[in-house]
Each structure stands twice: as C-alpha cells, then as structure tokens.
Amino acid sequence: MEVTLDRKRQYQLLIKPSAQKELHKIPKLHQQRIHAEFDALMRDPFIGKKLSGNLAGVYSVRVWPYRIAYFIVQRKLIILVIAIRHRKDVYQVIEGKL
C-alpha cells in the first residue's frame, strides 16, 4: 500500500514580531537549528509537547537550550509562533503574553 502526502495540506508558519526579535538575538548556530525545527513543525505541528494549566492550548518544542512556543490553528492550517526563548524563562514569558 502506498501512502502519499498531500503537500497542499502543509501548515503555514507565522511568527509574531516579538518572537522574531527574540530569534534575531539567538546565536547563528542555534538559529539554523531553530529554522530546521520550523520545517519539521510545518510538516507535523503536533510533534511538540501540549502544555497544560495556565498554558493550555500552547505547544512547545525543544531546540536545546531553547524552546519554541506556538499555537496551532487547525481549521486554517496555521502555526503561530509566540515565543522563542531560553528554556529557563520561556514559560514565564509565555504566561505574561497570554
């Protein structure tokens, strides 16, 4: 049985301006790894960890030592990146943005 992926169903990645600023502050080596993770997220946004409690509805994926925090809008096939921060403070920053 052959399975084909529908390329039209790939998610679109949108990055909030504040997250874009955070990304530019990160060293180039880590930026490359984060961009590679963006590609993986567009293929399967559910690879991240679904957060709970005050952060319900937010997903997080690790790109050591950073975390990418994002929402998934399934009906529109959109991934909205809300934060790209060091793991030590990413969750406090996200809570401040919600």
C-alpha atoms as a PDB file:
ATOM      1  CA  MET A   1       0.000   0.000   0.000  1.00  0.00           C
ATOM      2  CA  GLU A   2       1.415   3.381  -0.991  1.00  0.00           C
ATOM      3  CA  VAL A   3       0.754   6.474   1.102  1.00  0.00           C
ATOM      4  CA  THR A   4       1.153   9.897  -0.460  1.00  0.00           C
ATOM      5  CA  LEU A   5       1.285  13.112   1.470  1.00  0.00           C
ATOM      6  CA  ASP A   6      -0.918  15.950   0.349  1.00  0.00           C
ATOM      7  CA  ARG A   7       1.530  18.864   0.036  1.00  0.00           C
ATOM      8  CA  LYS A   8      -1.392  21.287  -0.107  1.00  0.00           C
ATOM      9  CA  ARG A   9      -2.183  20.347   3.494  1.00  0.00           C
ATOM     10  CA  GLN A  10       1.157  21.583   4.857  1.00  0.00           C
ATOM     11  CA  TYR A  11       0.823  24.094   7.652  1.00  0.00           C
ATOM     12  CA  GLN A  12       1.843  27.717   7.245  1.00  0.00           C
ATOM     13  CA  LEU A  13       4.217  29.105   9.871  1.00  0.00           C
ATOM     14  CA  LEU A  14       3.623  32.616  11.204  1.00  0.00           C
ATOM     15  CA  ILE A  15       5.985  34.215  13.713  1.00  0.00           C
ATOM     16  CA  LYS A  16       4.853  37.040  15.981  1.00  0.00           C
ATOM     17  CA  PRO A  17       7.095  40.138  15.696  1.00  0.00           C
ATOM     18  CA  SER A  18       8.195  39.748  19.332  1.00  0.00           C
ATOM     19  CA  ALA A  19       9.267  36.144  18.664  1.00  0.00           C
ATOM     20  CA  GLN A  20      11.083  37.285  15.518  1.00  0.00           C
ATOM     21  CA  LYS A  21      13.071  39.768  17.637  1.00  0.00           C
ATOM     22  CA  GLU A  22      13.890  37.005  20.098  1.00  0.00           C
ATOM     23  CA  LEU A  23      15.103  34.811  17.237  1.00  0.00           C
ATOM     24  CA  HIS A  24      17.488  37.500  15.971  1.00  0.00           C
ATOM     25  CA  LYS A  25      19.140  37.700  19.420  1.00  0.00           C
ATOM     26  CA  ILE A  26      19.975  33.975  19.383  1.00  0.00           C
ATOM     27  CA  PRO A  27      23.422  32.879  18.103  1.00  0.00           C
ATOM     28  CA  LYS A  28      23.502  31.915  14.399  1.00  0.00           C
ATOM     29  CA  LEU A  29      24.292  28.268  15.091  1.00  0.00           C
ATOM     30  CA  HIS A  30      21.138  27.878  17.172  1.00  0.00           C
ATOM     31  CA  GLN A  31      19.112  29.926  14.658  1.00  0.00           C
ATOM     32  CA  GLN A  32      19.916  27.338  11.982  1.00  0.00           C
ATOM     33  CA  ARG A  33      18.697  24.542  14.235  1.00  0.00           C
ATOM     34  CA  ILE A  34      15.534  26.502  15.040  1.00  0.00           C
ATOM     35  CA  HIS A  35      14.844  27.044  11.327  1.00  0.00           C
ATOM     36  CA  ALA A  36      15.247  23.303  10.759  1.00  0.00           C
ATOM     37  CA  GLU A  37      12.690  22.728  13.517  1.00  0.00           C
ATOM     38  CA  PHE A  38      10.321  25.177  11.798  1.00  0.00           C
ATOM     39  CA  ASP A  39      10.455  22.931   8.710  1.00  0.00           C
ATOM     40  CA  ALA A  40       9.612  19.892  10.835  1.00  0.00           C
ATOM     41  CA  LEU A  41       6.731  21.757  12.504  1.00  0.00           C
ATOM     42  CA  MET A  42       5.203  22.704   9.159  1.00  0.00           C
ATOM     43  CA  ARG A  43       5.091  19.023   8.244  1.00  0.00           C
ATOM     44  CA  ASP A  44       3.733  17.914  11.648  1.00  0.00           C
ATOM     45  CA  PRO A  45       2.882  20.608  14.203  1.00  0.00           C
ATOM     46  CA  PHE A  46       1.875  18.003  16.784  1.00  0.00           C
ATOM     47  CA  ILE A  47       5.472  16.868  17.415  1.00  0.00           C
ATOM     48  CA  GLY A  48       5.660  19.390  20.250  1.00  0.00           C
ATOM     49  CA  LYS A  49       4.529  18.947  23.815  1.00  0.00           C
ATOM     50  CA  LYS A  50       0.995  20.129  24.569  1.00  0.00           C
ATOM     51  CA  LEU A  51       1.146  22.359  27.637  1.00  0.00           C
ATOM     52  CA  SER A  52      -1.475  22.390  30.380  1.00  0.00           C
ATOM     53  CA  GLY A  53      -2.777  24.572  33.193  1.00  0.00           C
ATOM     54  CA  ASN A  54      -2.463  28.304  32.500  1.00  0.00           C
ATOM     55  CA  LEU A  55      -0.732  27.443  29.216  1.00  0.00           C
ATOM     56  CA  ALA A  56      -3.451  25.144  27.868  1.00  0.00           C
ATOM     57  CA  GLY A  57      -3.631  25.334  24.090  1.00  0.00           C
ATOM     58  CA  VAL A  58       0.058  26.193  23.730  1.00  0.00           C
ATOM     59  CA  TYR A  59       2.583  23.719  22.345  1.00  0.00           C
ATOM     60  CA  SER A  60       6.319  23.711  22.994  1.00  0.00           C
ATOM     61  CA  VAL A  61       9.156  22.043  21.133  1.00  0.00           C
ATOM     62  CA  ARG A  62      12.764  21.752  22.314  1.00  0.00           C
ATOM     63  CA  VAL A  63      15.738  23.031  20.380  1.00  0.00           C
ATOM     64  CA  TRP A  64      18.262  22.804  23.177  1.00  0.00           C
ATOM     65  CA  PRO A  65      18.747  25.091  25.097  1.00  0.00           C
ATOM     66  CA  TYR A  66      15.776  26.975  23.613  1.00  0.00           C
ATOM     67  CA  ARG A  67      12.052  26.349  23.399  1.00  0.00           C
ATOM     68  CA  ILE A  68       9.690  27.325  20.611  1.00  0.00           C
ATOM     69  CA  ALA A  69       6.197  28.045  21.939  1.00  0.00           C
ATOM     70  CA  TYR A  70       3.314  28.066  19.474  1.00  0.00           C
ATOM     71  CA  PHE A  71      -0.407  27.738  18.859  1.00  0.00           C
ATOM     72  CA  ILE A  72      -1.966  25.512  16.194  1.00  0.00           C
ATOM     73  CA  VAL A  73      -4.974  26.826  14.263  1.00  0.00           C
ATOM     74  CA  GLN A  74      -6.125  23.586  12.651  1.00  0.00           C
ATOM     75  CA  ARG A  75      -9.018  24.982  10.614  1.00  0.00           C
ATOM     76  CA  LYS A  76      -6.688  27.379   8.813  1.00  0.00           C
ATOM     77  CA  LEU A  77      -3.581  25.135   8.865  1.00  0.00           C
ATOM     78  CA  ILE A  78      -1.555  27.793  10.677  1.00  0.00           C
ATOM     79  CA  ILE A  79       1.182  27.527  13.295  1.00  0.00           C
ATOM     80  CA  LEU A  80       1.601  30.776  15.236  1.00  0.00           C
ATOM     81  CA  VAL A  81       4.969  31.018  16.998  1.00  0.00           C
ATOM     82  CA  ILE A  82       4.540  33.207  20.078  1.00  0.00           C
ATOM     83  CA  ALA A  83       7.954  32.854  21.738  1.00  0.00           C
ATOM     84  CA  ILE A  84      11.462  31.545  21.135  1.00  0.00           C
ATOM     85  CA  ARG A  85      13.325  31.748  24.410  1.00  0.00           C
ATOM     86  CA  HIS A  86      15.892  30.037  26.574  1.00  0.00           C
ATOM     87  CA  ARG A  87      14.364  27.147  28.483  1.00  0.00           C
ATOM     88  CA  LYS A  88      14.957  28.808  31.866  1.00  0.00           C
ATOM     89  CA  ASP A  89      12.369  31.559  31.326  1.00  0.00           C
ATOM     90  CA  VAL A  90      10.224  30.642  28.335  1.00  0.00           C
ATOM     91  CA  TYR A  91       7.175  29.535  30.316  1.00  0.00           C
ATOM     92  CA  GLN A  92       7.076  32.658  32.485  1.00  0.00           C
ATOM     93  CA  VAL A  93       7.334  34.814  29.353  1.00  0.00           C
ATOM     94  CA  ILE A  94       4.503  32.910  27.661  1.00  0.00           C
ATOM     95  CA  GLU A  95       2.237  33.325  30.682  1.00  0.00           C
ATOM     96  CA  GLY A  96       2.884  37.078  30.515  1.00  0.00           C
ATOM     97  CA  LYS A  97       1.817  37.143  26.860  1.00  0.00           C
ATOM     98  CA  LEU A  98      -1.453  35.266  27.303  1.00  0.00           C
END
